[in-house]
C-alpha atoms as a PDB file:
ATOM      1  CA  UNK A   1     109.707 160.209  37.567  1.00  0.00           C
ATOM      2  CA  UNK A   2     109.626 161.353  41.191  1.00  0.00           C
ATOM      3  CA  UNK A   3     112.937 159.602  41.931  1.00  0.00           C
ATOM      4  CA  UNK A   4     114.480 161.227  38.845  1.00  0.00           C
ATOM      5  CA  UNK A   5     113.395 164.689  40.033  1.00  0.00           C
ATOM      6  CA  UNK A   6     114.793 164.046  43.515  1.00  0.00           C
ATOM      7  CA  UNK A   7     118.005 162.697  41.994  1.00  0.00           C
ATOM      8  CA  UNK A   8     118.432 165.775  39.797  1.00  0.00           C
ATOM      9  CA  UNK A   9     117.763 168.062  42.750  1.00  0.00           C
ATOM     10  CA  UNK A  10     120.320 166.232  44.870  1.00  0.00           C
ATOM     11  CA  UNK A  11     122.884 166.170  42.042  1.00  0.00           C
ATOM     12  CA  UNK A  12     122.458 169.913  41.478  1.00  0.00           C
ATOM     13  CA  UNK A  13     122.829 170.455  45.206  1.00  0.00           C
ATOM     14  CA  UNK A  14     125.949 168.337  45.513  1.00  0.00           C
ATOM     15  CA  UNK A  15     127.611 169.941  42.490  1.00  0.00           C
ATOM     16  CA  UNK A  16     126.902 173.397  43.797  1.00  0.00           C
ATOM     17  CA  UNK A  17     129.178 175.048  46.362  1.00  0.00           C
ATOM     18  CA  UNK A  18     126.081 176.255  48.276  1.00  0.00           C
ATOM     19  CA  UNK A  19     125.607 172.774  49.724  1.00  0.00           C
ATOM     20  CA  UNK A  20     128.974 172.550  51.396  1.00  0.00           C
ATOM     21  CA  UNK A  21     129.469 173.409  55.013  1.00  0.00           C
ATOM     22  CA  UNK A  22     129.388 177.127  55.676  1.00  0.00           C
ATOM     23  CA  UNK A  23     132.664 178.989  55.186  1.00  0.00           C
ATOM     24  CA  UNK A  24     133.583 180.220  58.683  1.00  0.00           C
ATOM     25  CA  UNK A  25     134.746 183.578  57.311  1.00  0.00           C
ATOM     26  CA  UNK A  26     131.276 184.313  55.904  1.00  0.00           C
ATOM     27  CA  UNK A  27     129.465 183.564  59.171  1.00  0.00           C
ATOM     28  CA  UNK A  28     128.363 186.503  61.300  1.00  0.00           C
ATOM     29  CA  UNK A  29     127.473 185.404  64.805  1.00  0.00           C
ATOM     30  CA  UNK A  30     123.801 186.092  65.578  1.00  0.00           C
ATOM     31  CA  UNK A  31     122.880 188.318  68.489  1.00  0.00           C
ATOM     32  CA  UNK A  32     119.443 186.929  69.421  1.00  0.00           C
ATOM     33  CA  UNK A  33     118.790 183.316  70.461  1.00  0.00           C
ATOM     34  CA  UNK A  34     115.241 182.046  70.863  1.00  0.00           C
ATOM     35  CA  UNK A  35     113.499 178.705  71.103  1.00  0.00           C
ATOM     36  CA  UNK A  36     110.515 177.813  68.939  1.00  0.00           C
ATOM     37  CA  UNK A  37     108.119 179.515  71.384  1.00  0.00           C
ATOM     38  CA  UNK A  38     110.141 182.763  71.563  1.00  0.00           C
ATOM     39  CA  UNK A  39     110.172 183.146  67.789  1.00  0.00           C
ATOM     40  CA  UNK A  40     106.632 184.482  67.781  1.00  0.00           C
ATOM     41  CA  UNK A  41     107.341 187.326  70.182  1.00  0.00           C
ATOM     42  CA  UNK A  42     110.765 188.377  68.876  1.00  0.00           C
ATOM     43  CA  UNK A  43     110.658 187.467  65.172  1.00  0.00           C
ATOM     44  CA  UNK A  44     106.967 187.610  64.369  1.00  0.00           C
ATOM     45  CA  UNK A  45     106.909 183.988  63.173  1.00  0.00           C
ATOM     46  CA  UNK A  46     105.616 180.650  64.421  1.00  0.00           C
ATOM     47  CA  UNK A  47     107.842 177.669  63.642  1.00  0.00           C
ATOM     48  CA  UNK A  48     105.699 175.013  61.968  1.00  0.00           C
ATOM     49  CA  UNK A  49     108.342 172.285  61.441  1.00  0.00           C
ATOM     50  CA  UNK A  50     111.728 171.291  60.098  1.00  0.00           C
ATOM     51  CA  UNK A  51     111.473 168.039  58.161  1.00  0.00           C
ATOM     52  CA  UNK A  52     113.616 165.629  56.221  1.00  0.00           C
ATOM     53  CA  UNK A  53     112.867 166.161  52.532  1.00  0.00           C
ATOM     54  CA  UNK A  54     114.100 165.024  49.090  1.00  0.00           C
ATOM     55  CA  UNK A  55     114.816 161.534  50.434  1.00  0.00           C
ATOM     56  CA  UNK A  56     116.825 163.054  53.310  1.00  0.00           C
ATOM     57  CA  UNK A  57     119.147 165.226  51.218  1.00  0.00           C
ATOM     58  CA  UNK A  58     117.319 168.436  52.149  1.00  0.00           C
ATOM     59  CA  UNK A  59     115.784 169.916  55.308  1.00  0.00           C
ATOM     60  CA  UNK A  60     112.460 171.693  54.769  1.00  0.00           C
ATOM     61  CA  UNK A  61     111.964 174.501  57.318  1.00  0.00           C
ATOM     62  CA  UNK A  62     108.422 175.916  57.458  1.00  0.00           C
ATOM     63  CA  UNK A  63     107.248 178.939  59.437  1.00  0.00           C
ATOM     64  CA  UNK A  64     104.065 181.018  59.610  1.00  0.00           C
ATOM     65  CA  UNK A  65     104.258 184.813  59.658  1.00  0.00           C
ATOM     66  CA  UNK A  66     102.365 186.212  62.644  1.00  0.00           C
ATOM     67  CA  UNK A  67     103.653 189.818  62.591  1.00  0.00           C
ATOM     68  CA  UNK A  68     104.723 190.937  59.080  1.00  0.00           C
ATOM     69  CA  UNK A  69     106.786 193.893  60.352  1.00  0.00           C
ATOM     70  CA  UNK A  70     108.874 191.780  62.729  1.00  0.00           C
ATOM     71  CA  UNK A  71     109.234 188.999  60.118  1.00  0.00           C
ATOM     72  CA  UNK A  72     110.302 191.296  57.249  1.00  0.00           C
ATOM     73  CA  UNK A  73     114.088 190.961  57.878  1.00  0.00           C
ATOM     74  CA  UNK A  74     113.892 187.152  57.779  1.00  0.00           C
ATOM     75  CA  UNK A  75     112.386 187.225  54.289  1.00  0.00           C
ATOM     76  CA  UNK A  76     114.963 189.507  52.665  1.00  0.00           C
ATOM     77  CA  UNK A  77     117.174 188.038  49.947  1.00  0.00           C
ATOM     78  CA  UNK A  78     120.387 189.561  51.307  1.00  0.00           C
ATOM     79  CA  UNK A  79     120.278 187.407  54.459  1.00  0.00           C
ATOM     80  CA  UNK A  80     121.895 183.979  54.013  1.00  0.00           C
ATOM     81  CA  UNK A  81     120.282 181.520  56.461  1.00  0.00           C
ATOM     82  CA  UNK A  82     122.003 178.312  57.514  1.00  0.00           C
ATOM     83  CA  UNK A  83     121.303 175.356  59.781  1.00  0.00           C
ATOM     84  CA  UNK A  84     123.562 173.948  62.514  1.00  0.00           C
ATOM     85  CA  UNK A  85     123.485 170.356  63.729  1.00  0.00           C
ATOM     86  CA  UNK A  86     123.602 170.916  67.505  1.00  0.00           C
ATOM     87  CA  UNK A  87     125.400 167.623  68.249  1.00  0.00           C
ATOM     88  CA  UNK A  88     128.352 168.193  65.910  1.00  0.00           C
ATOM     89  CA  UNK A  89     128.306 171.915  65.106  1.00  0.00           C
ATOM     90  CA  UNK A  90     128.196 171.181  61.349  1.00  0.00           C
ATOM     91  CA  UNK A  91     126.686 174.083  59.382  1.00  0.00           C
ATOM     92  CA  UNK A  92     124.815 173.853  56.077  1.00  0.00           C
ATOM     93  CA  UNK A  93     123.508 176.474  53.645  1.00  0.00           C
ATOM     94  CA  UNK A  94     120.539 176.858  51.368  1.00  0.00           C
ATOM     95  CA  UNK A  95     121.585 175.514  47.951  1.00  0.00           C
ATOM     96  CA  UNK A  96     121.555 177.955  45.066  1.00  0.00           C
ATOM     97  CA  UNK A  97     121.694 176.872  41.455  1.00  0.00           C
ATOM     98  CA  UNK A  98     122.510 179.247  38.583  1.00  0.00           C
ATOM     99  CA  UNK A  99     119.160 178.731  36.828  1.00  0.00           C
ATOM    100  CA  UNK A 100     116.767 178.409  39.756  1.00  0.00           C
ATOM    101  CA  UNK A 101     118.480 180.542  42.395  1.00  0.00           C
ATOM    102  CA  UNK A 102     118.309 180.004  46.148  1.00  0.00           C
ATOM    103  CA  UNK A 103     115.857 177.374  47.377  1.00  0.00           C
ATOM    104  CA  UNK A 104     113.953 179.674  49.650  1.00  0.00           C
ATOM    105  CA  UNK A 105     110.944 181.906  49.646  1.00  0.00           C
ATOM    106  CA  UNK A 106     111.426 185.668  49.815  1.00  0.00           C
ATOM    107  CA  UNK A 107     109.122 188.650  49.569  1.00  0.00           C
ATOM    108  CA  UNK A 108     109.134 192.378  50.075  1.00  0.00           C
ATOM    109  CA  UNK A 109     105.675 192.296  51.692  1.00  0.00           C
ATOM    110  CA  UNK A 110     105.182 189.368  54.109  1.00  0.00           C
ATOM    111  CA  UNK A 111     101.569 188.373  54.774  1.00  0.00           C
ATOM    112  CA  UNK A 112     100.208 187.504  58.215  1.00  0.00           C
ATOM    113  CA  UNK A 113      99.020 183.907  58.397  1.00  0.00           C
ATOM    114  CA  UNK A 114     100.984 182.744  55.354  1.00  0.00           C
ATOM    115  CA  UNK A 115     103.467 179.869  55.625  1.00  0.00           C
ATOM    116  CA  UNK A 116     106.946 180.427  54.155  1.00  0.00           C
ATOM    117  CA  UNK A 117     109.762 177.927  53.614  1.00  0.00           C
ATOM    118  CA  UNK A 118     113.542 177.467  53.434  1.00  0.00           C
ATOM    119  CA  UNK A 119     115.268 174.364  52.014  1.00  0.00           C
ATOM    120  CA  UNK A 120     118.665 173.541  53.504  1.00  0.00           C
ATOM    121  CA  UNK A 121     121.157 171.128  51.990  1.00  0.00           C
ATOM    122  CA  UNK A 122     121.743 167.927  53.934  1.00  0.00           C
ATOM    123  CA  UNK A 123     124.580 166.244  52.016  1.00  0.00           C
ATOM    124  CA  UNK A 124     125.008 162.518  52.659  1.00  0.00           C
ATOM    125  CA  UNK A 125     121.918 162.735  54.907  1.00  0.00           C
ATOM    126  CA  UNK A 126     124.186 164.066  57.641  1.00  0.00           C
ATOM    127  CA  UNK A 127     121.325 165.353  59.821  1.00  0.00           C
ATOM    128  CA  UNK A 128     118.863 162.580  60.749  1.00  0.00           C
ATOM    129  CA  UNK A 129     115.251 162.707  61.961  1.00  0.00           C
ATOM    130  CA  UNK A 130     115.269 163.285  65.712  1.00  0.00           C
ATOM    131  CA  UNK A 131     118.441 165.424  65.621  1.00  0.00           C
ATOM    132  CA  UNK A 132     118.239 168.840  67.235  1.00  0.00           C
ATOM    133  CA  UNK A 133     119.225 171.752  64.987  1.00  0.00           C
ATOM    134  CA  UNK A 134     119.508 175.525  65.151  1.00  0.00           C
ATOM    135  CA  UNK A 135     118.304 177.639  62.245  1.00  0.00           C
ATOM    136  CA  UNK A 136     120.260 180.888  61.920  1.00  0.00           C
ATOM    137  CA  UNK A 137     118.660 183.754  59.994  1.00  0.00           C
ATOM    138  CA  UNK A 138     120.513 187.046  60.088  1.00  0.00           C
ATOM    139  CA  UNK A 139     120.916 188.127  63.714  1.00  0.00           C
ATOM    140  CA  UNK A 140     118.552 185.458  65.020  1.00  0.00           C
ATOM    141  CA  UNK A 141     119.001 181.840  66.127  1.00  0.00           C
ATOM    142  CA  UNK A 142     116.042 179.475  66.396  1.00  0.00           C
ATOM    143  CA  UNK A 143     117.429 176.827  68.720  1.00  0.00           C
ATOM    144  CA  UNK A 144     116.575 173.246  69.671  1.00  0.00           C
ATOM    145  CA  UNK A 145     114.324 172.422  66.703  1.00  0.00           C
ATOM    146  CA  UNK A 146     113.786 168.666  66.295  1.00  0.00           C
ATOM    147  CA  UNK A 147     114.019 167.340  62.737  1.00  0.00           C
ATOM    148  CA  UNK A 148     110.902 165.382  61.774  1.00  0.00           C
ATOM    149  CA  UNK A 149     110.646 162.525  59.263  1.00  0.00           C
END
């Protein structure tokens, strides 16, 4: 049953345009670059991890809100986050299906101490555990994150 659920998730992802590499025309270059440690001061979040998920076809990015006011822009629905494989420059979006919507957590009122998540597509398991990636959210880049198994 678990493999069927993962298979359906992956099939939905692959059939959906949201899993393809980011269209370069829709990308706005971010203005702020920070490492995992700088995220707390500038973005009000603490990066927990970015992990291989759904048998490698998704990347699960987890972060804890430290300062709800600073973190509010990251959690808005209008911002379209994406992940960049630092070795190749390949960019991938959060999949969005017509029935479920975007595979991410959003809120109007972030809570301090709560962990939030984003699921990025990883078609053909392009990004492997150990790869370094950059997560781009709005005007902010979280650089040099190592993908965990």
